[in-house]
Amino acid sequence: MKLEDEKQPRRLILIGFVLVTLGMVFPFLMVMQIVESTFFLNFLSFAASVAGLFLGLIGGALYVKMSQKDKKK
């Protein structure tokens, strides 16, 4: 198995974590009135949160699948 293949699930999990964090930070900044609440920023926060959640789940599933393949060998 290639080293790049082993890093892919971790990279997806990391990207998902960053997106979910941004989806949490932007609304917090809007509530604290540091950043003005706009429709675009609200939609961007929601989309980042949902995309991060899905990427994290996909990365976690790939990680488990790859670790099970390694145990069978």
PDB file of N, CA and C in Angstrom:
ATOM      1  N   MET A   1       0.849  -1.186   0.000  1.00  0.00           N
ATOM      2  CA  MET A   1       0.000   0.000   0.000  1.00  0.00           C
ATOM      3  C   MET A   1       0.886   1.237   0.000  1.00  0.00           C
ATOM      4  N   LYS A   2       0.524   2.199  -0.807  1.00  0.00           N
ATOM      5  CA  LYS A   2       1.308   3.421  -0.927  1.00  0.00           C
ATOM      6  C   LYS A   2       1.111   4.322   0.289  1.00  0.00           C
ATOM      7  N   LEU A   3       2.114   5.139   0.536  1.00  0.00           N
ATOM      8  CA  LEU A   3       2.042   6.067   1.663  1.00  0.00           C
ATOM      9  C   LEU A   3       0.971   7.130   1.422  1.00  0.00           C
ATOM     10  N   GLU A   4       0.803   7.547   0.151  1.00  0.00           N
ATOM     11  CA  GLU A   4      -0.223   8.561  -0.161  1.00  0.00           C
ATOM     12  C   GLU A   4      -1.619   8.031   0.115  1.00  0.00           C
ATOM     13  N   ASP A   5      -1.836   6.721  -0.153  1.00  0.00           N
ATOM     14  CA  ASP A   5      -3.149   6.128   0.104  1.00  0.00           C
ATOM     15  C   ASP A   5      -3.476   6.125   1.585  1.00  0.00           C
ATOM     16  N   GLU A   6      -2.450   5.951   2.420  1.00  0.00           N
ATOM     17  CA  GLU A   6      -2.685   5.935   3.860  1.00  0.00           C
ATOM     18  C   GLU A   6      -2.991   7.323   4.406  1.00  0.00           C
ATOM     19  N   LYS A   7      -2.491   8.349   3.738  1.00  0.00           N
ATOM     20  CA  LYS A   7      -2.707   9.709   4.221  1.00  0.00           C
ATOM     21  C   LYS A   7      -4.052  10.288   3.782  1.00  0.00           C
ATOM     22  N   GLN A   8      -4.676   9.717   2.768  1.00  0.00           N
ATOM     23  CA  GLN A   8      -5.910  10.293   2.236  1.00  0.00           C
ATOM     24  C   GLN A   8      -7.042  10.364   3.269  1.00  0.00           C
ATOM     25  N   PRO A   9      -7.362   9.295   4.013  1.00  0.00           N
ATOM     26  CA  PRO A   9      -8.436   9.426   5.011  1.00  0.00           C
ATOM     27  C   PRO A   9      -8.125  10.460   6.084  1.00  0.00           C
ATOM     28  N   ARG A  10      -6.875  10.521   6.506  1.00  0.00           N
ATOM     29  CA  ARG A  10      -6.519  11.523   7.517  1.00  0.00           C
ATOM     30  C   ARG A  10      -6.667  12.927   6.969  1.00  0.00           C
ATOM     31  N   ARG A  11      -6.324  13.104   5.696  1.00  0.00           N
ATOM     32  CA  ARG A  11      -6.465  14.415   5.069  1.00  0.00           C
ATOM     33  C   ARG A  11      -7.941  14.803   4.978  1.00  0.00           C
ATOM     34  N   LEU A  12      -8.811  13.848   4.633  1.00  0.00           N
ATOM     35  CA  LEU A  12     -10.237  14.137   4.576  1.00  0.00           C
ATOM     36  C   LEU A  12     -10.786  14.504   5.955  1.00  0.00           C
ATOM     37  N   ILE A  13     -10.342  13.792   6.971  1.00  0.00           N
ATOM     38  CA  ILE A  13     -10.785  14.086   8.336  1.00  0.00           C
ATOM     39  C   ILE A  13     -10.315  15.474   8.758  1.00  0.00           C
ATOM     40  N   LEU A  14      -9.084  15.820   8.416  1.00  0.00           N
ATOM     41  CA  LEU A  14      -8.549  17.133   8.773  1.00  0.00           C
ATOM     42  C   LEU A  14      -9.298  18.253   8.044  1.00  0.00           C
ATOM     43  N   ILE A  15      -9.549  18.073   6.766  1.00  0.00           N
ATOM     44  CA  ILE A  15     -10.301  19.088   6.010  1.00  0.00           C
ATOM     45  C   ILE A  15     -11.712  19.216   6.576  1.00  0.00           C
ATOM     46  N   GLY A  16     -12.330  18.084   6.905  1.00  0.00           N
ATOM     47  CA  GLY A  16     -13.669  18.116   7.505  1.00  0.00           C
ATOM     48  C   GLY A  16     -13.674  18.846   8.836  1.00  0.00           C
ATOM     49  N   PHE A  17     -12.643  18.624   9.645  1.00  0.00           N
ATOM     50  CA  PHE A  17     -12.549  19.310  10.934  1.00  0.00           C
ATOM     51  C   PHE A  17     -12.415  20.818  10.749  1.00  0.00           C
ATOM     52  N   VAL A  18     -11.599  21.231   9.786  1.00  0.00           N
ATOM     53  CA  VAL A  18     -11.422  22.662   9.526  1.00  0.00           C
ATOM     54  C   VAL A  18     -12.735  23.283   9.051  1.00  0.00           C
ATOM     55  N   LEU A  19     -13.448  22.605   8.171  1.00  0.00           N
ATOM     56  CA  LEU A  19     -14.717  23.145   7.671  1.00  0.00           C
ATOM     57  C   LEU A  19     -15.768  23.235   8.768  1.00  0.00           C
ATOM     58  N   VAL A  20     -15.856  22.210   9.601  1.00  0.00           N
ATOM     59  CA  VAL A  20     -16.831  22.254  10.707  1.00  0.00           C
ATOM     60  C   VAL A  20     -16.468  23.366  11.683  1.00  0.00           C
ATOM     61  N   THR A  21     -15.178  23.546  11.921  1.00  0.00           N
ATOM     62  CA  THR A  21     -14.746  24.621  12.814  1.00  0.00           C
ATOM     63  C   THR A  21     -15.101  25.989  12.240  1.00  0.00           C
ATOM     64  N   LEU A  22     -14.883  26.172  10.932  1.00  0.00           N
ATOM     65  CA  LEU A  22     -15.276  27.438  10.298  1.00  0.00           C
ATOM     66  C   LEU A  22     -16.792  27.630  10.356  1.00  0.00           C
ATOM     67  N   GLY A  23     -17.530  26.543  10.186  1.00  0.00           N
ATOM     68  CA  GLY A  23     -18.982  26.613  10.297  1.00  0.00           C
ATOM     69  C   GLY A  23     -19.449  26.959  11.693  1.00  0.00           C
ATOM     70  N   MET A  24     -18.602  26.789  12.680  1.00  0.00           N
ATOM     71  CA  MET A  24     -18.934  27.155  14.054  1.00  0.00           C
ATOM     72  C   MET A  24     -18.440  28.571  14.386  1.00  0.00           C
ATOM     73  N   VAL A  25     -17.283  28.937  13.869  1.00  0.00           N
ATOM     74  CA  VAL A  25     -16.674  30.226  14.209  1.00  0.00           C
ATOM     75  C   VAL A  25     -17.425  31.389  13.553  1.00  0.00           C
ATOM     76  N   PHE A  26     -17.804  31.243  12.279  1.00  0.00           N
ATOM     77  CA  PHE A  26     -18.498  32.336  11.593  1.00  0.00           C
ATOM     78  C   PHE A  26     -19.799  32.739  12.287  1.00  0.00           C
ATOM     79  N   PRO A  27     -20.691  31.800  12.649  1.00  0.00           N
ATOM     80  CA  PRO A  27     -21.894  32.221  13.379  1.00  0.00           C
ATOM     81  C   PRO A  27     -21.583  32.847  14.738  1.00  0.00           C
ATOM     82  N   PHE A  28     -20.551  32.338  15.412  1.00  0.00           N
ATOM     83  CA  PHE A  28     -20.164  32.935  16.691  1.00  0.00           C
ATOM     84  C   PHE A  28     -19.736  34.388  16.502  1.00  0.00           C
ATOM     85  N   LEU A  29     -18.946  34.656  15.455  1.00  0.00           N
ATOM     86  CA  LEU A  29     -18.523  36.025  15.180  1.00  0.00           C
ATOM     87  C   LEU A  29     -19.707  36.906  14.796  1.00  0.00           C
ATOM     88  N   MET A  30     -20.695  36.334  14.128  1.00  0.00           N
ATOM     89  CA  MET A  30     -21.890  37.106  13.771  1.00  0.00           C
ATOM     90  C   MET A  30     -22.723  37.432  15.003  1.00  0.00           C
ATOM     91  N   VAL A  31     -22.846  36.479  15.918  1.00  0.00           N
ATOM     92  CA  VAL A  31     -23.617  36.714  17.143  1.00  0.00           C
ATOM     93  C   VAL A  31     -22.935  37.755  18.018  1.00  0.00           C
ATOM     94  N   MET A  32     -21.613  37.724  18.057  1.00  0.00           N
ATOM     95  CA  MET A  32     -20.864  38.709  18.836  1.00  0.00           C
ATOM     96  C   MET A  32     -20.773  40.056  18.117  1.00  0.00           C
ATOM     97  N   GLN A  33     -21.328  40.136  16.926  1.00  0.00           N
ATOM     98  CA  GLN A  33     -21.377  41.338  16.089  1.00  0.00           C
ATOM     99  C   GLN A  33     -19.979  41.847  15.731  1.00  0.00           C
ATOM    100  N   ILE A  34     -19.056  40.927  15.560  1.00  0.00           N
ATOM    101  CA  ILE A  34     -17.728  41.268  15.065  1.00  0.00           C
ATOM    102  C   ILE A  34     -17.754  41.301  13.547  1.00  0.00           C
ATOM    103  N   VAL A  35     -18.538  40.384  12.969  1.00  0.00           N
ATOM    104  CA  VAL A  35     -18.731  40.314  11.524  1.00  0.00           C
ATOM    105  C   VAL A  35     -20.208  40.538  11.250  1.00  0.00           C
ATOM    106  N   GLU A  36     -20.498  41.302  10.202  1.00  0.00           N
ATOM    107  CA  GLU A  36     -21.894  41.567   9.861  1.00  0.00           C
ATOM    108  C   GLU A  36     -22.542  40.308   9.290  1.00  0.00           C
ATOM    109  N   SER A  37     -23.747  40.025   9.744  1.00  0.00           N
ATOM    110  CA  SER A  37     -24.474  38.853   9.281  1.00  0.00           C
ATOM    111  C   SER A  37     -25.096  39.143   7.930  1.00  0.00           C
ATOM    112  N   THR A  38     -24.662  38.396   6.924  1.00  0.00           N
ATOM    113  CA  THR A  38     -25.233  38.519   5.582  1.00  0.00           C
ATOM    114  C   THR A  38     -25.757  37.154   5.158  1.00  0.00           C
ATOM    115  N   PHE A  39     -26.610  37.169   4.140  1.00  0.00           N
ATOM    116  CA  PHE A  39     -27.158  35.912   3.638  1.00  0.00           C
ATOM    117  C   PHE A  39     -26.041  35.022   3.119  1.00  0.00           C
ATOM    118  N   PHE A  40     -25.082  35.601   2.406  1.00  0.00           N
ATOM    119  CA  PHE A  40     -23.981  34.823   1.847  1.00  0.00           C
ATOM    120  C   PHE A  40     -23.144  34.184   2.950  1.00  0.00           C
ATOM    121  N   LEU A  41     -22.827  34.934   3.998  1.00  0.00           N
ATOM    122  CA  LEU A  41     -22.017  34.384   5.089  1.00  0.00           C
ATOM    123  C   LEU A  41     -22.782  33.320   5.869  1.00  0.00           C
ATOM    124  N   ASN A  42     -24.083  33.516   6.042  1.00  0.00           N
ATOM    125  CA  ASN A  42     -24.902  32.497   6.698  1.00  0.00           C
ATOM    126  C   ASN A  42     -24.920  31.206   5.882  1.00  0.00           C
ATOM    127  N   PHE A  43     -25.114  31.338   4.576  1.00  0.00           N
ATOM    128  CA  PHE A  43     -25.137  30.173   3.710  1.00  0.00           C
ATOM    129  C   PHE A  43     -23.765  29.503   3.669  1.00  0.00           C
ATOM    130  N   LEU A  44     -22.703  30.297   3.615  1.00  0.00           N
ATOM    131  CA  LEU A  44     -21.349  29.755   3.601  1.00  0.00           C
ATOM    132  C   LEU A  44     -21.050  28.991   4.889  1.00  0.00           C
ATOM    133  N   SER A  45     -21.485  29.500   6.015  1.00  0.00           N
ATOM    134  CA  SER A  45     -21.275  28.822   7.301  1.00  0.00           C
ATOM    135  C   SER A  45     -22.000  27.484   7.336  1.00  0.00           C
ATOM    136  N   PHE A  46     -23.232  27.489   6.875  1.00  0.00           N
ATOM    137  CA  PHE A  46     -24.015  26.252   6.857  1.00  0.00           C
ATOM    138  C   PHE A  46     -23.404  25.227   5.905  1.00  0.00           C
ATOM    139  N   ALA A  47     -23.028  25.687   4.708  1.00  0.00           N
ATOM    140  CA  ALA A  47     -22.441  24.785   3.716  1.00  0.00           C
ATOM    141  C   ALA A  47     -21.108  24.216   4.204  1.00  0.00           C
ATOM    142  N   ALA A  48     -20.290  25.036   4.853  1.00  0.00           N
ATOM    143  CA  ALA A  48     -19.012  24.559   5.378  1.00  0.00           C
ATOM    144  C   ALA A  48     -19.238  23.521   6.470  1.00  0.00           C
ATOM    145  N   SER A  49     -20.212  23.752   7.306  1.00  0.00           N
ATOM    146  CA  SER A  49     -20.496  22.816   8.384  1.00  0.00           C
ATOM    147  C   SER A  49     -20.984  21.470   7.835  1.00  0.00           C
ATOM    148  N   VAL A  50     -21.901  21.497   6.890  1.00  0.00           N
ATOM    149  CA  VAL A  50     -22.434  20.260   6.313  1.00  0.00           C
ATOM    150  C   VAL A  50     -21.357  19.527   5.514  1.00  0.00           C
ATOM    151  N   ALA A  51     -20.598  20.254   4.703  1.00  0.00           N
ATOM    152  CA  ALA A  51     -19.535  19.629   3.913  1.00  0.00           C
ATOM    153  C   ALA A  51     -18.468  19.034   4.825  1.00  0.00           C
ATOM    154  N   GLY A  52     -18.130  19.725   5.894  1.00  0.00           N
ATOM    155  CA  GLY A  52     -17.148  19.204   6.835  1.00  0.00           C
ATOM    156  C   GLY A  52     -17.629  17.947   7.531  1.00  0.00           C
ATOM    157  N   LEU A  53     -18.904  17.915   7.861  1.00  0.00           N
ATOM    158  CA  LEU A  53     -19.466  16.736   8.497  1.00  0.00           C
ATOM    159  C   LEU A  53     -19.382  15.535   7.564  1.00  0.00           C
ATOM    160  N   PHE A  54     -19.776  15.718   6.310  1.00  0.00           N
ATOM    161  CA  PHE A  54     -19.731  14.609   5.354  1.00  0.00           C
ATOM    162  C   PHE A  54     -18.302  14.173   5.056  1.00  0.00           C
ATOM    163  N   LEU A  55     -17.391  15.122   4.890  1.00  0.00           N
ATOM    164  CA  LEU A  55     -15.998  14.756   4.629  1.00  0.00           C
ATOM    165  C   LEU A  55     -15.388  13.998   5.806  1.00  0.00           C
ATOM    166  N   GLY A  56     -15.725  14.424   7.019  1.00  0.00           N
ATOM    167  CA  GLY A  56     -15.235  13.723   8.198  1.00  0.00           C
ATOM    168  C   GLY A  56     -15.774  12.306   8.292  1.00  0.00           C
ATOM    169  N   LEU A  57     -17.051  12.132   7.985  1.00  0.00           N
ATOM    170  CA  LEU A  57     -17.639  10.791   8.012  1.00  0.00           C
ATOM    171  C   LEU A  57     -17.039   9.898   6.937  1.00  0.00           C
ATOM    172  N   ILE A  58     -16.854  10.433   5.743  1.00  0.00           N
ATOM    173  CA  ILE A  58     -16.252   9.660   4.660  1.00  0.00           C
ATOM    174  C   ILE A  58     -14.806   9.306   5.009  1.00  0.00           C
ATOM    175  N   GLY A  59     -14.063  10.263   5.535  1.00  0.00           N
ATOM    176  CA  GLY A  59     -12.688   9.992   5.943  1.00  0.00           C
ATOM    177  C   GLY A  59     -12.609   8.947   7.035  1.00  0.00           C
ATOM    178  N   GLY A  60     -13.504   9.010   7.992  1.00  0.00           N
ATOM    179  CA  GLY A  60     -13.528   8.009   9.060  1.00  0.00           C
ATOM    180  C   GLY A  60     -13.853   6.621   8.534  1.00  0.00           C
ATOM    181  N   ALA A  61     -14.805   6.539   7.614  1.00  0.00           N
ATOM    182  CA  ALA A  61     -15.158   5.247   7.031  1.00  0.00           C
ATOM    183  C   ALA A  61     -13.996   4.675   6.224  1.00  0.00           C
ATOM    184  N   LEU A  62     -13.313   5.515   5.458  1.00  0.00           N
ATOM    185  CA  LEU A  62     -12.156   5.051   4.696  1.00  0.00           C
ATOM    186  C   LEU A  62     -11.031   4.598   5.619  1.00  0.00           C
ATOM    187  N   TYR A  63     -10.838   5.309   6.705  1.00  0.00           N
ATOM    188  CA  TYR A  63      -9.797   4.947   7.666  1.00  0.00           C
ATOM    189  C   TYR A  63     -10.063   3.568   8.268  1.00  0.00           C
ATOM    190  N   VAL A  64     -11.316   3.324   8.642  1.00  0.00           N
ATOM    191  CA  VAL A  64     -11.682   2.021   9.214  1.00  0.00           C
ATOM    192  C   VAL A  64     -11.523   0.926   8.167  1.00  0.00           C
ATOM    193  N   LYS A  65     -11.958   1.206   6.948  1.00  0.00           N
ATOM    194  CA  LYS A  65     -11.855   0.210   5.876  1.00  0.00           C
ATOM    195  C   LYS A  65     -10.394  -0.140   5.601  1.00  0.00           C
ATOM    196  N   MET A  66      -9.524   0.862   5.571  1.00  0.00           N
ATOM    197  CA  MET A  66      -8.115   0.609   5.304  1.00  0.00           C
ATOM    198  C   MET A  66      -7.449  -0.129   6.469  1.00  0.00           C
ATOM    199  N   SER A  67      -7.847   0.168   7.688  1.00  0.00           N
ATOM    200  CA  SER A  67      -7.247  -0.526   8.829  1.00  0.00           C
ATOM    201  C   SER A  67      -7.708  -1.979   8.891  1.00  0.00           C
ATOM    202  N   GLN A  68      -8.930  -2.266   8.451  1.00  0.00           N
ATOM    203  CA  GLN A  68      -9.399  -3.643   8.404  1.00  0.00           C
ATOM    204  C   GLN A  68      -8.673  -4.438   7.334  1.00  0.00           C
ATOM    205  N   LYS A  69      -8.373  -3.786   6.198  1.00  0.00           N
ATOM    206  CA  LYS A  69      -7.612  -4.476   5.143  1.00  0.00           C
ATOM    207  C   LYS A  69      -6.208  -4.814   5.639  1.00  0.00           C
ATOM    208  N   ASP A  70      -5.608  -3.904   6.408  1.00  0.00           N
ATOM    209  CA  ASP A  70      -4.252  -4.140   6.925  1.00  0.00           C
ATOM    210  C   ASP A  70      -4.245  -5.296   7.926  1.00  0.00           C
ATOM    211  N   LYS A  71      -5.308  -5.431   8.711  1.00  0.00           N
ATOM    212  CA  LYS A  71      -5.357  -6.509   9.703  1.00  0.00           C
ATOM    213  C   LYS A  71      -5.523  -7.874   9.048  1.00  0.00           C
ATOM    214  N   LYS A  72      -6.194  -7.920   7.883  1.00  0.00           N
ATOM    215  CA  LYS A  72      -6.396  -9.196   7.198  1.00  0.00           C
ATOM    216  C   LYS A  72      -5.112  -9.711   6.579  1.00  0.00           C
ATOM    217  N   LYS A  73      -4.190  -8.813   6.254  1.00  0.00           N
ATOM    218  CA  LYS A  73      -2.941  -9.246   5.603  1.00  0.00           C
ATOM    219  C   LYS A  73      -1.980  -9.853   6.567  1.00  0.00           C
TER     220      LYS A  73
END
